[in-house]
PDB file of N, CA and C in Angstrom:
ATOM      1  N   MET A   1      -3.640  31.013   9.581  1.00  0.00           N
ATOM      2  CA  MET A   1      -4.887  30.821  10.296  1.00  0.00           C
ATOM      3  C   MET A   1      -4.834  29.465  10.992  1.00  0.00           C
ATOM      4  N   THR A   2      -5.118  29.470  12.269  1.00  0.00           N
ATOM      5  CA  THR A   2      -5.065  28.243  13.048  1.00  0.00           C
ATOM      6  C   THR A   2      -6.462  27.674  13.227  1.00  0.00           C
ATOM      7  N   HIS A   3      -6.563  26.365  13.017  1.00  0.00           N
ATOM      8  CA  HIS A   3      -7.837  25.685  13.230  1.00  0.00           C
ATOM      9  C   HIS A   3      -7.766  24.932  14.542  1.00  0.00           C
ATOM     10  N   LYS A   4      -8.788  25.070  15.336  1.00  0.00           N
ATOM     11  CA  LYS A   4      -8.873  24.320  16.590  1.00  0.00           C
ATOM     12  C   LYS A   4      -9.624  23.029  16.312  1.00  0.00           C
ATOM     13  N   HIS A   5      -8.996  21.920  16.673  1.00  0.00           N
ATOM     14  CA  HIS A   5      -9.618  20.619  16.483  1.00  0.00           C
ATOM     15  C   HIS A   5      -9.884  20.000  17.846  1.00  0.00           C
ATOM     16  N   THR A   6     -10.931  19.216  17.906  1.00  0.00           N
ATOM     17  CA  THR A   6     -11.203  18.496  19.143  1.00  0.00           C
ATOM     18  C   THR A   6     -10.171  17.385  19.282  1.00  0.00           C
ATOM     19  N   LEU A   7     -10.049  16.869  20.477  1.00  0.00           N
ATOM     20  CA  LEU A   7      -9.131  15.756  20.725  1.00  0.00           C
ATOM     21  C   LEU A   7      -9.526  14.564  19.867  1.00  0.00           C
ATOM     22  N   HIS A   8     -10.820  14.333  19.760  1.00  0.00           N
ATOM     23  CA  HIS A   8     -11.330  13.234  18.935  1.00  0.00           C
ATOM     24  C   HIS A   8     -10.897  13.401  17.478  1.00  0.00           C
ATOM     25  N   GLN A   9     -11.008  14.618  16.952  1.00  0.00           N
ATOM     26  CA  GLN A   9     -10.588  14.879  15.570  1.00  0.00           C
ATOM     27  C   GLN A   9      -9.081  14.666  15.411  1.00  0.00           C
ATOM     28  N   SER A  10      -8.315  15.131  16.387  1.00  0.00           N
ATOM     29  CA  SER A  10      -6.858  14.981  16.320  1.00  0.00           C
ATOM     30  C   SER A  10      -6.452  13.517  16.266  1.00  0.00           C
ATOM     31  N   PHE A  11      -7.084  12.695  17.094  1.00  0.00           N
ATOM     32  CA  PHE A  11      -6.801  11.258  17.051  1.00  0.00           C
ATOM     33  C   PHE A  11      -7.246  10.664  15.714  1.00  0.00           C
ATOM     34  N   GLY A  12      -8.367  11.140  15.198  1.00  0.00           N
ATOM     35  CA  GLY A  12      -8.847  10.669  13.899  1.00  0.00           C
ATOM     36  C   GLY A  12      -7.840  10.954  12.792  1.00  0.00           C
ATOM     37  N   TYR A  13      -7.269  12.171  12.800  1.00  0.00           N
ATOM     38  CA  TYR A  13      -6.260  12.520  11.802  1.00  0.00           C
ATOM     39  C   TYR A  13      -5.016  11.646  11.966  1.00  0.00           C
ATOM     40  N   ALA A  14      -4.626  11.405  13.212  1.00  0.00           N
ATOM     41  CA  ALA A  14      -3.442  10.581  13.470  1.00  0.00           C
ATOM     42  C   ALA A  14      -3.651   9.153  12.963  1.00  0.00           C
ATOM     43  N   PHE A  15      -4.800   8.578  13.265  1.00  0.00           N
ATOM     44  CA  PHE A  15      -5.087   7.215  12.790  1.00  0.00           C
ATOM     45  C   PHE A  15      -5.205   7.172  11.267  1.00  0.00           C
ATOM     46  N   ALA A  16      -5.770   8.213  10.679  1.00  0.00           N
ATOM     47  CA  ALA A  16      -5.849   8.278   9.216  1.00  0.00           C
ATOM     48  C   ALA A  16      -4.444   8.303   8.613  1.00  0.00           C
ATOM     49  N   GLY A  17      -3.536   9.015   9.258  1.00  0.00           N
ATOM     50  CA  GLY A  17      -2.147   9.057   8.798  1.00  0.00           C
ATOM     51  C   GLY A  17      -1.478   7.703   8.884  1.00  0.00           C
ATOM     52  N   ILE A  18      -1.711   6.997   9.990  1.00  0.00           N
ATOM     53  CA  ILE A  18      -1.136   5.655  10.152  1.00  0.00           C
ATOM     54  C   ILE A  18      -1.681   4.722   9.074  1.00  0.00           C
ATOM     55  N   ILE A  19      -2.991   4.747   8.885  1.00  0.00           N
ATOM     56  CA  ILE A  19      -3.620   3.870   7.887  1.00  0.00           C
ATOM     57  C   ILE A  19      -3.090   4.187   6.488  1.00  0.00           C
ATOM     58  N   HIS A  20      -2.993   5.459   6.160  1.00  0.00           N
ATOM     59  CA  HIS A  20      -2.465   5.846   4.850  1.00  0.00           C
ATOM     60  C   HIS A  20      -1.029   5.348   4.686  1.00  0.00           C
ATOM     61  N   ALA A  21      -0.206   5.557   5.705  1.00  0.00           N
ATOM     62  CA  ALA A  21       1.199   5.148   5.624  1.00  0.00           C
ATOM     63  C   ALA A  21       1.324   3.640   5.439  1.00  0.00           C
ATOM     64  N   VAL A  22       0.520   2.876   6.164  1.00  0.00           N
ATOM     65  CA  VAL A  22       0.580   1.414   6.047  1.00  0.00           C
ATOM     66  C   VAL A  22       0.104   0.973   4.663  1.00  0.00           C
ATOM     67  N   ARG A  23      -0.956   1.589   4.166  1.00  0.00           N
ATOM     68  CA  ARG A  23      -1.485   1.209   2.845  1.00  0.00           C
ATOM     69  C   ARG A  23      -0.518   1.543   1.714  1.00  0.00           C
ATOM     70  N   GLU A  24       0.150   2.677   1.825  1.00  0.00           N
ATOM     71  CA  GLU A  24       0.957   3.184   0.715  1.00  0.00           C
ATOM     72  C   GLU A  24       2.441   2.835   0.803  1.00  0.00           C
ATOM     73  N   ASN A  25       2.904   2.360   1.955  1.00  0.00           N
ATOM     74  CA  ASN A  25       4.342   2.168   2.142  1.00  0.00           C
ATOM     75  C   ASN A  25       4.661   0.701   2.404  1.00  0.00           C
ATOM     76  N   ARG A  26       5.235   0.055   1.407  1.00  0.00           N
ATOM     77  CA  ARG A  26       5.592  -1.368   1.519  1.00  0.00           C
ATOM     78  C   ARG A  26       6.556  -1.601   2.683  1.00  0.00           C
ATOM     79  N   ASN A  27       7.550  -0.723   2.833  1.00  0.00           N
ATOM     80  CA  ASN A  27       8.531  -0.911   3.905  1.00  0.00           C
ATOM     81  C   ASN A  27       7.880  -0.845   5.279  1.00  0.00           C
ATOM     82  N   LEU A  28       6.918   0.043   5.434  1.00  0.00           N
ATOM     83  CA  LEU A  28       6.225   0.141   6.717  1.00  0.00           C
ATOM     84  C   LEU A  28       5.434  -1.130   6.996  1.00  0.00           C
ATOM     85  N   ARG A  29       4.817  -1.697   5.970  1.00  0.00           N
ATOM     86  CA  ARG A  29       4.106  -2.974   6.152  1.00  0.00           C
ATOM     87  C   ARG A  29       5.085  -4.066   6.583  1.00  0.00           C
ATOM     88  N   ILE A  30       6.264  -4.077   5.986  1.00  0.00           N
ATOM     89  CA  ILE A  30       7.287  -5.060   6.376  1.00  0.00           C
ATOM     90  C   ILE A  30       7.678  -4.856   7.833  1.00  0.00           C
ATOM     91  N   HIS A  31       7.881  -3.604   8.239  1.00  0.00           N
ATOM     92  CA  HIS A  31       8.230  -3.318   9.640  1.00  0.00           C
ATOM     93  C   HIS A  31       7.127  -3.795  10.585  1.00  0.00           C
ATOM     94  N   PHE A  32       5.871  -3.573  10.211  1.00  0.00           N
ATOM     95  CA  PHE A  32       4.763  -4.030  11.058  1.00  0.00           C
ATOM     96  C   PHE A  32       4.723  -5.553  11.151  1.00  0.00           C
ATOM     97  N   ILE A  33       4.965  -6.240  10.047  1.00  0.00           N
ATOM     98  CA  ILE A  33       4.977  -7.711  10.068  1.00  0.00           C
ATOM     99  C   ILE A  33       6.100  -8.215  10.967  1.00  0.00           C
ATOM    100  N   ILE A  34       7.284  -7.621  10.838  1.00  0.00           N
ATOM    101  CA  ILE A  34       8.408  -8.015  11.698  1.00  0.00           C
ATOM    102  C   ILE A  34       8.081  -7.707  13.155  1.00  0.00           C
ATOM    103  N   ALA A  35       7.479  -6.554  13.408  1.00  0.00           N
ATOM    104  CA  ALA A  35       7.121  -6.168  14.777  1.00  0.00           C
ATOM    105  C   ALA A  35       6.164  -7.176  15.397  1.00  0.00           C
ATOM    106  N   ILE A  36       5.156  -7.575  14.646  1.00  0.00           N
ATOM    107  CA  ILE A  36       4.193  -8.560  15.157  1.00  0.00           C
ATOM    108  C   ILE A  36       4.891  -9.884  15.422  1.00  0.00           C
ATOM    109  N   ALA A  37       5.762 -10.301  14.503  1.00  0.00           N
ATOM    110  CA  ALA A  37       6.489 -11.566  14.680  1.00  0.00           C
ATOM    111  C   ALA A  37       7.373 -11.524  15.923  1.00  0.00           C
ATOM    112  N   VAL A  38       8.084 -10.418  16.123  1.00  0.00           N
ATOM    113  CA  VAL A  38       8.952 -10.280  17.301  1.00  0.00           C
ATOM    114  C   VAL A  38       8.114 -10.292  18.570  1.00  0.00           C
ATOM    115  N   PHE A  39       6.993  -9.587  18.562  1.00  0.00           N
ATOM    116  CA  PHE A  39       6.140  -9.531  19.748  1.00  0.00           C
ATOM    117  C   PHE A  39       5.571 -10.911  20.076  1.00  0.00           C
ATOM    118  N   VAL A  40       5.049 -11.601  19.069  1.00  0.00           N
ATOM    119  CA  VAL A  40       4.479 -12.939  19.288  1.00  0.00           C
ATOM    120  C   VAL A  40       5.561 -13.902  19.773  1.00  0.00           C
ATOM    121  N   LEU A  41       6.740 -13.865  19.137  1.00  0.00           N
ATOM    122  CA  LEU A  41       7.848 -14.724  19.561  1.00  0.00           C
ATOM    123  C   LEU A  41       8.249 -14.421  21.002  1.00  0.00           C
ATOM    124  N   SER A  42       8.289 -13.151  21.355  1.00  0.00           N
ATOM    125  CA  SER A  42       8.658 -12.751  22.718  1.00  0.00           C
ATOM    126  C   SER A  42       7.662 -13.272  23.745  1.00  0.00           C
ATOM    127  N   ILE A  43       6.387 -13.207  23.425  1.00  0.00           N
ATOM    128  CA  ILE A  43       5.359 -13.731  24.328  1.00  0.00           C
ATOM    129  C   ILE A  43       5.498 -15.248  24.433  1.00  0.00           C
ATOM    130  N   TYR A  44       5.674 -15.914  23.298  1.00  0.00           N
ATOM    131  CA  TYR A  44       5.826 -17.374  23.271  1.00  0.00           C
ATOM    132  C   TYR A  44       7.037 -17.820  24.099  1.00  0.00           C
ATOM    133  N   LEU A  45       8.134 -17.072  24.002  1.00  0.00           N
ATOM    134  CA  LEU A  45       9.360 -17.427  24.731  1.00  0.00           C
ATOM    135  C   LEU A  45       9.339 -16.954  26.182  1.00  0.00           C
ATOM    136  N   LYS A  46       8.273 -16.278  26.570  1.00  0.00           N
ATOM    137  CA  LYS A  46       8.141 -15.729  27.922  1.00  0.00           C
ATOM    138  C   LYS A  46       9.323 -14.810  28.277  1.00  0.00           C
ATOM    139  N   VAL A  47       9.597 -13.895  27.365  1.00  0.00           N
ATOM    140  CA  VAL A  47      10.670 -12.926  27.558  1.00  0.00           C
ATOM    141  C   VAL A  47      10.337 -12.060  28.772  1.00  0.00           C
ATOM    142  N   ALA A  48      11.346 -11.742  29.573  1.00  0.00           N
ATOM    143  CA  ALA A  48      11.161 -10.911  30.767  1.00  0.00           C
ATOM    144  C   ALA A  48      10.517  -9.575  30.383  1.00  0.00           C
ATOM    145  N   TYR A  49       9.704  -9.045  31.279  1.00  0.00           N
ATOM    146  CA  TYR A  49       8.969  -7.812  30.994  1.00  0.00           C
ATOM    147  C   TYR A  49       9.893  -6.650  30.634  1.00  0.00           C
ATOM    148  N   GLN A  50      11.042  -6.547  31.328  1.00  0.00           N
ATOM    149  CA  GLN A  50      11.980  -5.464  31.026  1.00  0.00           C
ATOM    150  C   GLN A  50      12.492  -5.599  29.594  1.00  0.00           C
ATOM    151  N   ASP A  51      12.817  -6.824  29.190  1.00  0.00           N
ATOM    152  CA  ASP A  51      13.294  -7.060  27.833  1.00  0.00           C
ATOM    153  C   ASP A  51      12.188  -6.794  26.813  1.00  0.00           C
ATOM    154  N   LEU A  52      10.982  -7.203  27.131  1.00  0.00           N
ATOM    155  CA  LEU A  52       9.849  -6.954  26.242  1.00  0.00           C
ATOM    156  C   LEU A  52       9.623  -5.448  26.081  1.00  0.00           C
ATOM    157  N   ALA A  53       9.763  -4.712  27.177  1.00  0.00           N
ATOM    158  CA  ALA A  53       9.604  -3.257  27.114  1.00  0.00           C
ATOM    159  C   ALA A  53      10.651  -2.646  26.183  1.00  0.00           C
ATOM    160  N   ILE A  54      11.887  -3.117  26.273  1.00  0.00           N
ATOM    161  CA  ILE A  54      12.946  -2.620  25.386  1.00  0.00           C
ATOM    162  C   ILE A  54      12.612  -2.940  23.932  1.00  0.00           C
ATOM    163  N   LEU A  55      12.157  -4.155  23.677  1.00  0.00           N
ATOM    164  CA  LEU A  55      11.789  -4.542  22.313  1.00  0.00           C
ATOM    165  C   LEU A  55      10.660  -3.667  21.773  1.00  0.00           C
ATOM    166  N   ILE A  56       9.672  -3.383  22.615  1.00  0.00           N
ATOM    167  CA  ILE A  56       8.551  -2.538  22.190  1.00  0.00           C
ATOM    168  C   ILE A  56       9.040  -1.131  21.862  1.00  0.00           C
ATOM    169  N   VAL A  57       9.919  -0.577  22.696  1.00  0.00           N
ATOM    170  CA  VAL A  57      10.468   0.758  22.426  1.00  0.00           C
ATOM    171  C   VAL A  57      11.215   0.767  21.090  1.00  0.00           C
ATOM    172  N   LEU A  58      11.993  -0.277  20.833  1.00  0.00           N
ATOM    173  CA  LEU A  58      12.737  -0.356  19.574  1.00  0.00           C
ATOM    174  C   LEU A  58      11.805  -0.499  18.375  1.00  0.00           C
ATOM    175  N   ILE A  59      10.763  -1.293  18.530  1.00  0.00           N
ATOM    176  CA  ILE A  59       9.774  -1.450  17.458  1.00  0.00           C
ATOM    177  C   ILE A  59       9.128  -0.103  17.143  1.00  0.00           C
ATOM    178  N   VAL A  60       8.725   0.612  18.178  1.00  0.00           N
ATOM    179  CA  VAL A  60       8.100   1.925  17.989  1.00  0.00           C
ATOM    180  C   VAL A  60       9.090   2.889  17.336  1.00  0.00           C
ATOM    181  N   LEU A  61      10.353   2.837  17.749  1.00  0.00           N
ATOM    182  CA  LEU A  61      11.382   3.701  17.168  1.00  0.00           C
ATOM    183  C   LEU A  61      11.513   3.465  15.665  1.00  0.00           C
ATOM    184  N   VAL A  62      11.599   2.215  15.258  1.00  0.00           N
ATOM    185  CA  VAL A  62      11.766   1.895  13.836  1.00  0.00           C
ATOM    186  C   VAL A  62      10.529   2.304  13.038  1.00  0.00           C
ATOM    187  N   ILE A  63       9.350   2.004  13.557  1.00  0.00           N
ATOM    188  CA  ILE A  63       8.121   2.365  12.843  1.00  0.00           C
ATOM    189  C   ILE A  63       7.979   3.887  12.760  1.00  0.00           C
ATOM    190  N   ALA A  64       8.297   4.589  13.843  1.00  0.00           N
ATOM    191  CA  ALA A  64       8.237   6.055  13.818  1.00  0.00           C
ATOM    192  C   ALA A  64       9.251   6.618  12.823  1.00  0.00           C
ATOM    193  N   ALA A  65      10.450   6.045  12.778  1.00  0.00           N
ATOM    194  CA  ALA A  65      11.465   6.496  11.819  1.00  0.00           C
ATOM    195  C   ALA A  65      10.972   6.304  10.387  1.00  0.00           C
ATOM    196  N   GLU A  66      10.349   5.175  10.119  1.00  0.00           N
ATOM    197  CA  GLU A  66       9.821   4.914   8.769  1.00  0.00           C
ATOM    198  C   GLU A  66       8.704   5.901   8.429  1.00  0.00           C
ATOM    199  N   MET A  67       7.877   6.239   9.410  1.00  0.00           N
ATOM    200  CA  MET A  67       6.797   7.201   9.162  1.00  0.00           C
ATOM    201  C   MET A  67       7.358   8.609   8.933  1.00  0.00           C
ATOM    202  N   ILE A  68       8.402   8.982   9.669  1.00  0.00           N
ATOM    203  CA  ILE A  68       9.056  10.276   9.438  1.00  0.00           C
ATOM    204  C   ILE A  68       9.662  10.290   8.036  1.00  0.00           C
ATOM    205  N   ASN A  69      10.301   9.194   7.661  1.00  0.00           N
ATOM    206  CA  ASN A  69      10.885   9.070   6.328  1.00  0.00           C
ATOM    207  C   ASN A  69       9.813   9.251   5.248  1.00  0.00           C
ATOM    208  N   THR A  70       8.696   8.577   5.410  1.00  0.00           N
ATOM    209  CA  THR A  70       7.597   8.689   4.446  1.00  0.00           C
ATOM    210  C   THR A  70       7.091  10.124   4.378  1.00  0.00           C
ATOM    211  N   SER A  71       6.944  10.737   5.534  1.00  0.00           N
ATOM    212  CA  SER A  71       6.484  12.116   5.622  1.00  0.00           C
ATOM    213  C   SER A  71       7.433  13.055   4.876  1.00  0.00           C
ATOM    214  N   LEU A  72       8.716  12.879   5.121  1.00  0.00           N
ATOM    215  CA  LEU A  72       9.725  13.706   4.467  1.00  0.00           C
ATOM    216  C   LEU A  72       9.721  13.506   2.951  1.00  0.00           C
ATOM    217  N   GLU A  73       9.587  12.267   2.519  1.00  0.00           N
ATOM    218  CA  GLU A  73       9.527  11.990   1.081  1.00  0.00           C
ATOM    219  C   GLU A  73       8.314  12.661   0.445  1.00  0.00           C
ATOM    220  N   GLU A  74       7.159  12.553   1.105  1.00  0.00           N
ATOM    221  CA  GLU A  74       5.934  13.171   0.576  1.00  0.00           C
ATOM    222  C   GLU A  74       6.079  14.689   0.500  1.00  0.00           C
ATOM    223  N   MET A  75       6.633  15.293   1.553  1.00  0.00           N
ATOM    224  CA  MET A  75       6.811  16.748   1.571  1.00  0.00           C
ATOM    225  C   MET A  75       7.800  17.187   0.498  1.00  0.00           C
ATOM    226  N   THR A  76       8.868  16.424   0.330  1.00  0.00           N
ATOM    227  CA  THR A  76       9.862  16.750  -0.692  1.00  0.00           C
ATOM    228  C   THR A  76       9.235  16.691  -2.080  1.00  0.00           C
ATOM    229  N   ASP A  77       8.436  15.659  -2.327  1.00  0.00           N
ATOM    230  CA  ASP A  77       7.756  15.532  -3.621  1.00  0.00           C
ATOM    231  C   ASP A  77       6.753  16.668  -3.838  1.00  0.00           C
ATOM    232  N   LEU A  78       6.151  17.144  -2.757  1.00  0.00           N
ATOM    233  CA  LEU A  78       5.199  18.250  -2.854  1.00  0.00           C
ATOM    234  C   LEU A  78       5.915  19.556  -3.208  1.00  0.00           C
ATOM    235  N   ILE A  79       7.096  19.736  -2.633  1.00  0.00           N
ATOM    236  CA  ILE A  79       7.847  20.978  -2.837  1.00  0.00           C
ATOM    237  C   ILE A  79       8.419  21.065  -4.248  1.00  0.00           C
ATOM    238  N   THR A  80       8.952  19.954  -4.742  1.00  0.00           N
ATOM    239  CA  THR A  80       9.547  19.975  -6.078  1.00  0.00           C
ATOM    240  C   THR A  80       9.310  18.659  -6.801  1.00  0.00           C
ATOM    241  N   SER A  81       8.916  18.774  -8.058  1.00  0.00           N
ATOM    242  CA  SER A  81       8.732  17.562  -8.859  1.00  0.00           C
ATOM    243  C   SER A  81       9.957  17.306  -9.731  1.00  0.00           C
ATOM    244  N   GLU A  82      10.830  18.295  -9.818  1.00  0.00           N
ATOM    245  CA  GLU A  82      12.045  18.116 -10.615  1.00  0.00           C
ATOM    246  C   GLU A  82      13.126  17.436  -9.774  1.00  0.00           C
ATOM    247  N   HIS A  83      14.059  16.804 -10.465  1.00  0.00           N
ATOM    248  CA  HIS A  83      15.147  16.126  -9.754  1.00  0.00           C
ATOM    249  C   HIS A  83      16.138  17.177  -9.259  1.00  0.00           C
ATOM    250  N   ARG A  84      16.277  17.280  -7.942  1.00  0.00           N
ATOM    251  CA  ARG A  84      17.218  18.233  -7.341  1.00  0.00           C
ATOM    252  C   ARG A  84      18.087  17.492  -6.351  1.00  0.00           C
ATOM    253  N   GLN A  85      19.347  17.846  -6.328  1.00  0.00           N
ATOM    254  CA  GLN A  85      20.304  17.186  -5.442  1.00  0.00           C
ATOM    255  C   GLN A  85      19.895  17.339  -3.974  1.00  0.00           C
ATOM    256  N   GLU A  86      19.393  18.514  -3.598  1.00  0.00           N
ATOM    257  CA  GLU A  86      18.987  18.746  -2.206  1.00  0.00           C
ATOM    258  C   GLU A  86      17.843  17.819  -1.805  1.00  0.00           C
ATOM    259  N   ALA A  87      16.909  17.610  -2.714  1.00  0.00           N
ATOM    260  CA  ALA A  87      15.786  16.710  -2.428  1.00  0.00           C
ATOM    261  C   ALA A  87      16.282  15.280  -2.285  1.00  0.00           C
ATOM    262  N   LYS A  88      17.212  14.891  -3.136  1.00  0.00           N
ATOM    263  CA  LYS A  88      17.791  13.547  -3.061  1.00  0.00           C
ATOM    264  C   LYS A  88      18.504  13.347  -1.732  1.00  0.00           C
ATOM    265  N   VAL A  89      19.283  14.339  -1.320  1.00  0.00           N
ATOM    266  CA  VAL A  89      20.011  14.240  -0.051  1.00  0.00           C
ATOM    267  C   VAL A  89      19.029  14.114   1.111  1.00  0.00           C
ATOM    268  N   ALA A  90      17.974  14.925   1.116  1.00  0.00           N
ATOM    269  CA  ALA A  90      16.977  14.857   2.193  1.00  0.00           C
ATOM    270  C   ALA A  90      16.363  13.468   2.268  1.00  0.00           C
ATOM    271  N   LYS A  91      15.999  12.911   1.118  1.00  0.00           N
ATOM    272  CA  LYS A  91      15.392  11.576   1.087  1.00  0.00           C
ATOM    273  C   LYS A  91      16.392  10.500   1.497  1.00  0.00           C
ATOM    274  N   ASP A  92      17.631  10.616   1.025  1.00  0.00           N
ATOM    275  CA  ASP A  92      18.650   9.620   1.368  1.00  0.00           C
ATOM    276  C   ASP A  92      18.973   9.633   2.861  1.00  0.00           C
ATOM    277  N   VAL A  93      19.070  10.825   3.436  1.00  0.00           N
ATOM    278  CA  VAL A  93      19.362  10.926   4.871  1.00  0.00           C
ATOM    279  C   VAL A  93      18.211  10.340   5.687  1.00  0.00           C
ATOM    280  N   ALA A  94      16.984  10.621   5.284  1.00  0.00           N
ATOM    281  CA  ALA A  94      15.826  10.064   5.990  1.00  0.00           C
ATOM    282  C   ALA A  94      15.803   8.542   5.879  1.00  0.00           C
ATOM    283  N   ALA A  95      16.120   8.016   4.699  1.00  0.00           N
ATOM    284  CA  ALA A  95      16.187   6.560   4.528  1.00  0.00           C
ATOM    285  C   ALA A  95      17.319   5.984   5.374  1.00  0.00           C
ATOM    286  N   GLY A  96      18.431   6.712   5.449  1.00  0.00           N
ATOM    287  CA  GLY A  96      19.543   6.282   6.298  1.00  0.00           C
ATOM    288  C   GLY A  96      19.148   6.219   7.763  1.00  0.00           C
ATOM    289  N   MET A  97      18.309   7.160   8.204  1.00  0.00           N
ATOM    290  CA  MET A  97      17.815   7.149   9.582  1.00  0.00           C
ATOM    291  C   MET A  97      17.073   5.852   9.866  1.00  0.00           C
ATOM    292  N   VAL A  98      16.234   5.434   8.932  1.00  0.00           N
ATOM    293  CA  VAL A  98      15.476   4.193   9.106  1.00  0.00           C
ATOM    294  C   VAL A  98      16.424   3.003   9.153  1.00  0.00           C
ATOM    295  N   LEU A  99      17.419   3.001   8.287  1.00  0.00           N
ATOM    296  CA  LEU A  99      18.380   1.899   8.262  1.00  0.00           C
ATOM    297  C   LEU A  99      19.153   1.811   9.573  1.00  0.00           C
ATOM    298  N   VAL A 100      19.625   2.946  10.080  1.00  0.00           N
ATOM    299  CA  VAL A 100      20.363   2.959  11.348  1.00  0.00           C
ATOM    300  C   VAL A 100      19.475   2.461  12.485  1.00  0.00           C
ATOM    301  N   ALA A 101      18.240   2.947  12.551  1.00  0.00           N
ATOM    302  CA  ALA A 101      17.308   2.505  13.596  1.00  0.00           C
ATOM    303  C   ALA A 101      17.028   1.014  13.475  1.00  0.00           C
ATOM    304  N   SER A 102      16.858   0.529  12.253  1.00  0.00           N
ATOM    305  CA  SER A 102      16.559  -0.892  12.032  1.00  0.00           C
ATOM    306  C   SER A 102      17.730  -1.785  12.416  1.00  0.00           C
ATOM    307  N   ILE A 103      18.934  -1.390  12.027  1.00  0.00           N
ATOM    308  CA  ILE A 103      20.118  -2.185  12.384  1.00  0.00           C
ATOM    309  C   ILE A 103      20.300  -2.207  13.895  1.00  0.00           C
ATOM    310  N   GLY A 104      20.170  -1.049  14.531  1.00  0.00           N
ATOM    311  CA  GLY A 104      20.287  -0.993  15.991  1.00  0.00           C
ATOM    312  C   GLY A 104      19.244  -1.856  16.672  1.00  0.00           C
ATOM    313  N   ALA A 105      18.009  -1.786  16.192  1.00  0.00           N
ATOM    314  CA  ALA A 105      16.931  -2.593  16.774  1.00  0.00           C
ATOM    315  C   ALA A 105      17.199  -4.077  16.574  1.00  0.00           C
ATOM    316  N   ALA A 106      17.694  -4.449  15.396  1.00  0.00           N
ATOM    317  CA  ALA A 106      17.984  -5.861  15.122  1.00  0.00           C
ATOM    318  C   ALA A 106      19.104  -6.373  16.027  1.00  0.00           C
ATOM    319  N   LEU A 107      20.130  -5.565  16.226  1.00  0.00           N
ATOM    320  CA  LEU A 107      21.241  -5.987  17.092  1.00  0.00           C
ATOM    321  C   LEU A 107      20.788  -6.157  18.543  1.00  0.00           C
ATOM    322  N   VAL A 108      20.065  -5.168  19.045  1.00  0.00           N
ATOM    323  CA  VAL A 108      19.572  -5.269  20.425  1.00  0.00           C
ATOM    324  C   VAL A 108      18.571  -6.412  20.538  1.00  0.00           C
ATOM    325  N   GLY A 109      17.714  -6.561  19.536  1.00  0.00           N
ATOM    326  CA  GLY A 109      16.763  -7.673  19.527  1.00  0.00           C
ATOM    327  C   GLY A 109      17.463  -9.016  19.572  1.00  0.00           C
ATOM    328  N   ALA A 110      18.547  -9.151  18.812  1.00  0.00           N
ATOM    329  CA  ALA A 110      19.312 -10.406  18.822  1.00  0.00           C
ATOM    330  C   ALA A 110      19.944 -10.647  20.190  1.00  0.00           C
ATOM    331  N   LEU A 111      20.447  -9.590  20.808  1.00  0.00           N
ATOM    332  CA  LEU A 111      21.039  -9.736  22.147  1.00  0.00           C
ATOM    333  C   LEU A 111      19.989 -10.146  23.177  1.00  0.00           C
ATOM    334  N   ILE A 112      18.794  -9.597  23.046  1.00  0.00           N
ATOM    335  CA  ILE A 112      17.727  -9.927  24.000  1.00  0.00           C
ATOM    336  C   ILE A 112      17.168 -11.316  23.733  1.00  0.00           C
ATOM    337  N   LEU A 113      16.842 -11.608  22.475  1.00  0.00           N
ATOM    338  CA  LEU A 113      16.180 -12.877  22.157  1.00  0.00           C
ATOM    339  C   LEU A 113      17.147 -14.054  22.062  1.00  0.00           C
ATOM    340  N   GLY A 114      18.419 -13.776  21.793  1.00  0.00           N
ATOM    341  CA  GLY A 114      19.413 -14.840  21.655  1.00  0.00           C
ATOM    342  C   GLY A 114      19.418 -15.841  22.793  1.00  0.00           C
ATOM    343  N   PRO A 115      19.519 -15.391  24.033  1.00  0.00           N
ATOM    344  CA  PRO A 115      19.541 -16.337  25.156  1.00  0.00           C
ATOM    345  C   PRO A 115      18.265 -17.177  25.287  1.00  0.00           C
ATOM    346  N   TYR A 116      17.157 -16.683  24.766  1.00  0.00           N
ATOM    347  CA  TYR A 116      15.905 -17.440  24.810  1.00  0.00           C
ATOM    348  C   TYR A 116      15.838 -18.472  23.685  1.00  0.00           C
ATOM    349  N   VAL A 117      16.421 -18.137  22.529  1.00  0.00           N
ATOM    350  CA  VAL A 117      16.315 -18.983  21.340  1.00  0.00           C
ATOM    351  C   VAL A 117      17.460 -19.984  21.236  1.00  0.00           C
ATOM    352  N   LEU A 118      18.677 -19.569  21.546  1.00  0.00           N
ATOM    353  CA  LEU A 118      19.858 -20.419  21.343  1.00  0.00           C
ATOM    354  C   LEU A 118      19.818 -21.753  22.078  1.00  0.00           C
ATOM    355  N   PRO A 119      19.330 -21.822  23.313  1.00  0.00           N
ATOM    356  CA  PRO A 119      19.295 -23.134  23.982  1.00  0.00           C
ATOM    357  C   PRO A 119      18.510 -24.191  23.203  1.00  0.00           C
ATOM    358  N   SER A 120      17.569 -23.783  22.388  1.00  0.00           N
ATOM    359  CA  SER A 120      16.801 -24.736  21.578  1.00  0.00           C
ATOM    360  C   SER A 120      17.664 -25.399  20.513  1.00  0.00           C
ATOM    361  N   PHE A 121      18.745 -24.729  20.118  1.00  0.00           N
ATOM    362  CA  PHE A 121      19.596 -25.237  19.045  1.00  0.00           C
ATOM    363  C   PHE A 121      20.882 -25.876  19.554  1.00  0.00           C
ATOM    364  N   ILE A 122      21.129 -25.767  20.831  1.00  0.00           N
ATOM    365  CA  ILE A 122      22.384 -26.308  21.393  1.00  0.00           C
ATOM    366  C   ILE A 122      22.142 -27.646  22.061  1.00  0.00           C
TER     367      ILE A 122
END
């Protein structure tokens, strides 16, 4: 049975999901803190708009990956409460996705922010 929701309700559910994920997921809170720090630093350093856009896309990618990971973990726990190898693999692969996205974002972030930060130390 399909329920029709208004656009307002759909956005409400989406924001409720974000709030729940931030409240319940320590790693997501860490990602948000890092995201805010990177954004503030980028504004302070007057990073070029193109570079800032890339940083924002990477931030969104990492946060979305963490939310998908959380979603997958919750669904896996809902499906089975017993320890199963398949559930472990699903959770490990999802966590690996977040790690890959985070490492990639950190490397690109370092390449973008490096030229702005390094002259201060040289």
